[in-house]
N, C-alpha and C. Protein backbone atom coordinates (compact mmCIF):
# COMPACT_ATOMS: atom_id res chain seq x y z
N MET A 1 50.56 -6.02 20.93
CA MET A 1 49.20 -6.28 20.52
C MET A 1 49.03 -7.76 20.22
N ARG A 2 47.87 -8.24 20.55
CA ARG A 2 47.59 -9.64 20.29
C ARG A 2 46.80 -9.77 18.99
N LYS A 3 47.18 -10.71 18.17
CA LYS A 3 46.47 -10.94 16.92
C LYS A 3 45.23 -11.81 17.13
N ALA A 4 45.12 -12.46 18.26
CA ALA A 4 44.00 -13.35 18.51
C ALA A 4 42.69 -12.58 18.64
N ASN A 5 42.72 -11.34 19.07
CA ASN A 5 41.50 -10.56 19.26
C ASN A 5 40.98 -9.94 17.96
N PHE A 6 41.81 -9.86 16.95
CA PHE A 6 41.40 -9.26 15.68
C PHE A 6 40.72 -10.29 14.79
N LYS A 7 39.71 -9.85 14.09
CA LYS A 7 39.00 -10.73 13.16
C LYS A 7 39.16 -10.14 11.76
N SER A 8 39.05 -10.99 10.81
CA SER A 8 39.16 -10.51 9.43
C SER A 8 37.92 -9.70 9.07
N PHE A 9 38.08 -8.87 8.07
CA PHE A 9 36.99 -8.01 7.63
C PHE A 9 35.81 -8.85 7.13
N GLY A 10 36.10 -9.95 6.46
CA GLY A 10 35.06 -10.85 5.96
C GLY A 10 34.23 -11.44 7.08
N GLU A 11 34.87 -11.81 8.19
CA GLU A 11 34.14 -12.38 9.33
C GLU A 11 33.22 -11.34 9.96
N LEU A 12 33.67 -10.10 10.01
CA LEU A 12 32.83 -9.05 10.57
C LEU A 12 31.59 -8.80 9.71
N LEU A 13 31.76 -8.85 8.39
CA LEU A 13 30.62 -8.64 7.50
C LEU A 13 29.61 -9.78 7.57
N LYS A 14 30.09 -10.99 7.80
CA LYS A 14 29.19 -12.13 7.90
C LYS A 14 28.30 -12.02 9.12
N LYS A 15 28.82 -11.50 10.21
CA LYS A 15 28.07 -11.41 11.47
C LYS A 15 27.13 -10.21 11.49
N ARG A 16 27.37 -9.26 10.63
CA ARG A 16 26.57 -8.04 10.62
C ARG A 16 25.15 -8.34 10.15
N ALA A 17 24.17 -7.95 10.91
CA ALA A 17 22.77 -8.17 10.56
C ALA A 17 22.30 -7.07 9.62
N PRO A 18 21.58 -7.42 8.56
CA PRO A 18 21.08 -6.38 7.65
C PRO A 18 20.01 -5.54 8.35
N GLN A 19 20.08 -4.25 8.14
CA GLN A 19 19.13 -3.34 8.78
C GLN A 19 18.12 -2.88 7.75
N LYS A 20 16.84 -2.88 8.15
CA LYS A 20 15.80 -2.39 7.27
C LYS A 20 15.69 -0.89 7.43
N LYS A 21 15.51 -0.22 6.31
CA LYS A 21 15.35 1.22 6.35
C LYS A 21 13.92 1.56 6.75
N ALA A 22 13.79 2.55 7.58
CA ALA A 22 12.47 3.00 7.98
C ALA A 22 11.84 3.80 6.84
N PRO A 23 10.51 3.73 6.69
CA PRO A 23 9.86 4.51 5.63
C PRO A 23 10.09 6.00 5.84
N ALA A 24 10.29 6.71 4.74
CA ALA A 24 10.55 8.15 4.81
C ALA A 24 9.27 8.94 5.07
N TYR A 25 8.14 8.43 4.59
CA TYR A 25 6.87 9.12 4.75
C TYR A 25 5.86 8.19 5.43
N GLN A 26 4.83 8.78 6.03
CA GLN A 26 3.82 7.98 6.71
C GLN A 26 3.01 7.15 5.72
N TRP A 27 2.79 7.69 4.51
CA TRP A 27 2.00 6.95 3.54
C TRP A 27 2.74 5.69 3.08
N GLN A 28 4.06 5.69 3.14
CA GLN A 28 4.82 4.49 2.79
C GLN A 28 4.61 3.40 3.84
N ASP A 29 4.55 3.80 5.09
CA ASP A 29 4.31 2.85 6.17
C ASP A 29 2.91 2.25 6.04
N LEU A 30 1.93 3.10 5.70
CA LEU A 30 0.57 2.62 5.50
C LEU A 30 0.51 1.64 4.33
N ALA A 31 1.21 1.94 3.25
CA ALA A 31 1.23 1.06 2.08
C ALA A 31 1.83 -0.30 2.45
N LEU A 32 2.90 -0.30 3.21
CA LEU A 32 3.52 -1.56 3.62
C LEU A 32 2.57 -2.39 4.49
N GLN A 33 1.81 -1.70 5.34
CA GLN A 33 0.84 -2.39 6.19
C GLN A 33 -0.27 -3.01 5.34
N ILE A 34 -0.76 -2.28 4.34
CA ILE A 34 -1.81 -2.79 3.47
C ILE A 34 -1.30 -3.99 2.66
N ILE A 35 -0.08 -3.89 2.16
CA ILE A 35 0.51 -4.99 1.39
C ILE A 35 0.58 -6.26 2.23
N GLN A 36 0.93 -6.10 3.47
CA GLN A 36 1.04 -7.26 4.36
C GLN A 36 -0.34 -7.79 4.74
N ASP A 37 -1.28 -6.91 5.10
CA ASP A 37 -2.60 -7.34 5.56
C ASP A 37 -3.42 -8.01 4.46
N LEU A 38 -3.37 -7.46 3.25
CA LEU A 38 -4.21 -7.97 2.17
C LEU A 38 -3.48 -8.93 1.24
N GLU A 39 -2.22 -9.21 1.53
CA GLU A 39 -1.41 -10.13 0.73
C GLU A 39 -1.44 -9.72 -0.74
N ILE A 40 -1.04 -8.48 -0.98
CA ILE A 40 -1.03 -7.92 -2.33
C ILE A 40 0.05 -8.63 -3.15
N PRO A 41 -0.26 -9.06 -4.39
CA PRO A 41 0.77 -9.68 -5.22
C PRO A 41 1.85 -8.68 -5.62
N LYS A 42 2.99 -9.20 -5.98
CA LYS A 42 4.14 -8.34 -6.28
C LYS A 42 3.89 -7.38 -7.42
N ASN A 43 3.13 -7.78 -8.42
CA ASN A 43 2.92 -6.91 -9.57
C ASN A 43 1.91 -5.79 -9.29
N LYS A 44 1.27 -5.78 -8.13
CA LYS A 44 0.29 -4.74 -7.78
C LYS A 44 0.77 -3.84 -6.63
N ARG A 45 1.94 -4.11 -6.09
CA ARG A 45 2.42 -3.36 -4.92
C ARG A 45 2.68 -1.90 -5.23
N SER A 46 3.15 -1.59 -6.41
CA SER A 46 3.39 -0.18 -6.75
C SER A 46 2.09 0.60 -6.80
N SER A 47 1.00 -0.07 -7.16
CA SER A 47 -0.31 0.59 -7.18
C SER A 47 -0.74 0.98 -5.76
N VAL A 48 -0.41 0.14 -4.80
CA VAL A 48 -0.75 0.45 -3.41
C VAL A 48 0.00 1.69 -2.94
N PHE A 49 1.27 1.81 -3.31
CA PHE A 49 2.04 2.99 -2.95
C PHE A 49 1.47 4.24 -3.61
N GLN A 50 1.03 4.12 -4.85
CA GLN A 50 0.43 5.27 -5.54
C GLN A 50 -0.87 5.68 -4.88
N ILE A 51 -1.68 4.71 -4.47
CA ILE A 51 -2.95 5.01 -3.80
C ILE A 51 -2.69 5.72 -2.49
N CYS A 52 -1.75 5.22 -1.70
CA CYS A 52 -1.46 5.82 -0.40
C CYS A 52 -0.87 7.22 -0.54
N LYS A 53 -0.19 7.48 -1.62
CA LYS A 53 0.38 8.80 -1.85
C LYS A 53 -0.69 9.77 -2.34
N LYS A 54 -1.60 9.28 -3.17
CA LYS A 54 -2.60 10.13 -3.80
C LYS A 54 -3.76 10.49 -2.86
N PHE A 55 -4.27 9.51 -2.12
CA PHE A 55 -5.43 9.71 -1.26
C PHE A 55 -5.00 9.99 0.18
N SER A 56 -5.88 10.64 0.92
CA SER A 56 -5.58 10.93 2.32
C SER A 56 -5.66 9.64 3.14
N ARG A 57 -4.99 9.66 4.27
CA ARG A 57 -4.91 8.48 5.14
C ARG A 57 -6.30 7.99 5.60
N PRO A 58 -7.22 8.88 6.01
CA PRO A 58 -8.54 8.39 6.45
C PRO A 58 -9.31 7.65 5.34
N ILE A 59 -9.19 8.12 4.10
CA ILE A 59 -9.88 7.46 2.99
C ILE A 59 -9.32 6.07 2.76
N VAL A 60 -8.00 5.96 2.78
CA VAL A 60 -7.36 4.66 2.56
C VAL A 60 -7.66 3.71 3.71
N GLU A 61 -7.62 4.20 4.92
CA GLU A 61 -7.92 3.35 6.09
C GLU A 61 -9.37 2.89 6.07
N LYS A 62 -10.28 3.75 5.64
CA LYS A 62 -11.69 3.37 5.55
C LYS A 62 -11.87 2.26 4.53
N ALA A 63 -11.22 2.39 3.37
CA ALA A 63 -11.29 1.34 2.36
C ALA A 63 -10.68 0.04 2.87
N LEU A 64 -9.59 0.13 3.60
CA LEU A 64 -8.95 -1.06 4.17
C LEU A 64 -9.86 -1.74 5.18
N ASN A 65 -10.45 -0.95 6.07
CA ASN A 65 -11.36 -1.52 7.08
C ASN A 65 -12.61 -2.13 6.44
N ASP A 66 -13.16 -1.45 5.43
CA ASP A 66 -14.32 -2.00 4.73
C ASP A 66 -13.97 -3.30 4.04
N THR A 67 -12.79 -3.37 3.46
CA THR A 67 -12.34 -4.58 2.79
C THR A 67 -12.23 -5.73 3.78
N LYS A 68 -11.62 -5.47 4.91
CA LYS A 68 -11.45 -6.52 5.93
C LYS A 68 -12.81 -7.00 6.44
N GLU A 69 -13.76 -6.07 6.57
CA GLU A 69 -15.06 -6.41 7.11
C GLU A 69 -15.95 -7.12 6.10
N LEU A 70 -15.95 -6.67 4.86
CA LEU A 70 -16.90 -7.17 3.87
C LEU A 70 -16.39 -8.35 3.05
N CYS A 71 -15.12 -8.44 2.83
CA CYS A 71 -14.57 -9.50 1.98
C CYS A 71 -13.91 -10.56 2.86
N GLN A 72 -14.68 -11.56 3.20
CA GLN A 72 -14.16 -12.61 4.07
C GLN A 72 -13.45 -13.72 3.28
N THR A 73 -13.87 -13.95 2.05
CA THR A 73 -13.24 -14.99 1.23
C THR A 73 -12.78 -14.37 -0.09
N GLY A 74 -11.92 -15.08 -0.77
CA GLY A 74 -11.44 -14.60 -2.07
C GLY A 74 -10.25 -13.68 -1.94
N GLU A 75 -10.01 -12.96 -3.01
CA GLU A 75 -8.86 -12.06 -3.06
C GLU A 75 -9.26 -10.70 -2.52
N LYS A 76 -8.83 -10.42 -1.32
CA LYS A 76 -9.19 -9.16 -0.65
C LYS A 76 -8.62 -7.95 -1.38
N TRP A 77 -7.46 -8.12 -1.98
CA TRP A 77 -6.81 -6.98 -2.62
C TRP A 77 -7.62 -6.47 -3.80
N ARG A 78 -8.30 -7.36 -4.52
CA ARG A 78 -9.15 -6.91 -5.64
C ARG A 78 -10.29 -6.04 -5.12
N TYR A 79 -10.89 -6.46 -4.02
CA TYR A 79 -11.99 -5.70 -3.42
C TYR A 79 -11.49 -4.34 -2.93
N PHE A 80 -10.30 -4.31 -2.36
CA PHE A 80 -9.71 -3.05 -1.90
C PHE A 80 -9.54 -2.08 -3.06
N PHE A 81 -9.03 -2.57 -4.19
CA PHE A 81 -8.84 -1.69 -5.35
C PHE A 81 -10.18 -1.20 -5.89
N LYS A 82 -11.21 -2.04 -5.83
CA LYS A 82 -12.54 -1.62 -6.27
C LYS A 82 -13.07 -0.50 -5.39
N LEU A 83 -12.91 -0.66 -4.10
CA LEU A 83 -13.41 0.36 -3.16
C LEU A 83 -12.66 1.68 -3.29
N ILE A 84 -11.38 1.61 -3.44
CA ILE A 84 -10.59 2.84 -3.44
C ILE A 84 -10.77 3.61 -4.74
N THR A 85 -11.05 2.93 -5.84
CA THR A 85 -11.23 3.63 -7.11
C THR A 85 -12.64 4.18 -7.27
N LYS A 86 -13.56 3.71 -6.43
CA LYS A 86 -14.92 4.24 -6.47
C LYS A 86 -14.90 5.66 -5.92
N LYS A 87 -15.46 6.58 -6.67
CA LYS A 87 -15.46 7.97 -6.26
C LYS A 87 -16.64 8.22 -5.31
N PRO A 88 -16.38 8.60 -4.05
CA PRO A 88 -17.48 8.79 -3.09
C PRO A 88 -18.34 10.01 -3.40
N ASP A 89 -17.78 11.05 -4.01
CA ASP A 89 -18.53 12.28 -4.26
C ASP A 89 -19.27 12.26 -5.59
N ALA A 90 -18.93 11.36 -6.48
CA ALA A 90 -19.54 11.33 -7.79
C ALA A 90 -20.91 10.65 -7.72
N PRO A 91 -21.90 11.16 -8.44
CA PRO A 91 -23.21 10.49 -8.45
C PRO A 91 -23.11 9.14 -9.15
N ALA A 92 -24.03 8.25 -8.81
CA ALA A 92 -24.00 6.90 -9.37
C ALA A 92 -24.24 6.93 -10.88
N THR A 93 -25.18 7.74 -11.33
CA THR A 93 -25.43 7.86 -12.76
C THR A 93 -25.35 9.33 -13.14
N LYS A 94 -24.87 9.56 -14.32
CA LYS A 94 -24.71 10.94 -14.79
C LYS A 94 -26.00 11.38 -15.45
N LYS A 95 -26.56 12.48 -15.00
CA LYS A 95 -27.76 13.02 -15.60
C LYS A 95 -27.34 13.90 -16.79
N PRO A 96 -28.03 13.77 -17.90
CA PRO A 96 -27.66 14.59 -19.05
C PRO A 96 -27.96 16.06 -18.78
N SER A 97 -27.04 16.89 -19.15
CA SER A 97 -27.24 18.33 -19.00
C SER A 97 -27.55 18.94 -20.36
N ALA A 98 -27.84 20.21 -20.37
CA ALA A 98 -28.19 20.89 -21.61
C ALA A 98 -27.02 20.89 -22.59
N SER A 99 -25.80 20.93 -22.09
CA SER A 99 -24.65 20.94 -22.98
C SER A 99 -24.38 19.58 -23.61
N ASP A 100 -24.94 18.49 -23.06
CA ASP A 100 -24.74 17.17 -23.60
C ASP A 100 -25.69 16.84 -24.76
N LEU A 101 -26.74 17.63 -24.92
CA LEU A 101 -27.71 17.38 -25.97
C LEU A 101 -27.13 17.72 -27.34
N PRO A 102 -27.43 16.91 -28.36
CA PRO A 102 -26.84 17.14 -29.68
C PRO A 102 -27.43 18.34 -30.42
N PHE A 103 -28.59 18.85 -30.04
CA PHE A 103 -29.19 19.97 -30.76
C PHE A 103 -29.26 21.23 -29.95
C-alpha cells in the first residue's frame, strides 16, 4: 500500500463542504422565503415561523404579495406583520349587543 494516496482525517474534514438541511415542512420553506424577501430582522424571525405554522399557505402568500405590492419604501416586514395580524373575517367595529349593556 502506498501512503501517498492517504490523507489525514483533518484534511478530509477541511475539504468537506457543509450541507444545509432541507426544511421538514412546507411552512418552514415558506417562512425562509419570507425572511429572505422582506429582510426580516433576526429578532423577528421566530414570529415568521409561527405565522407560517398557524395560518394557511394561501393567507400568508396573499399577505406577502400585498406587502410587496403596497409597501414600496420603508420596512416591508412591519407592513407584513400588520397585514397578517388583521383579521379578515372580523368586522371593523364591534356593534354592542344586548349582553354588553350594563342594565
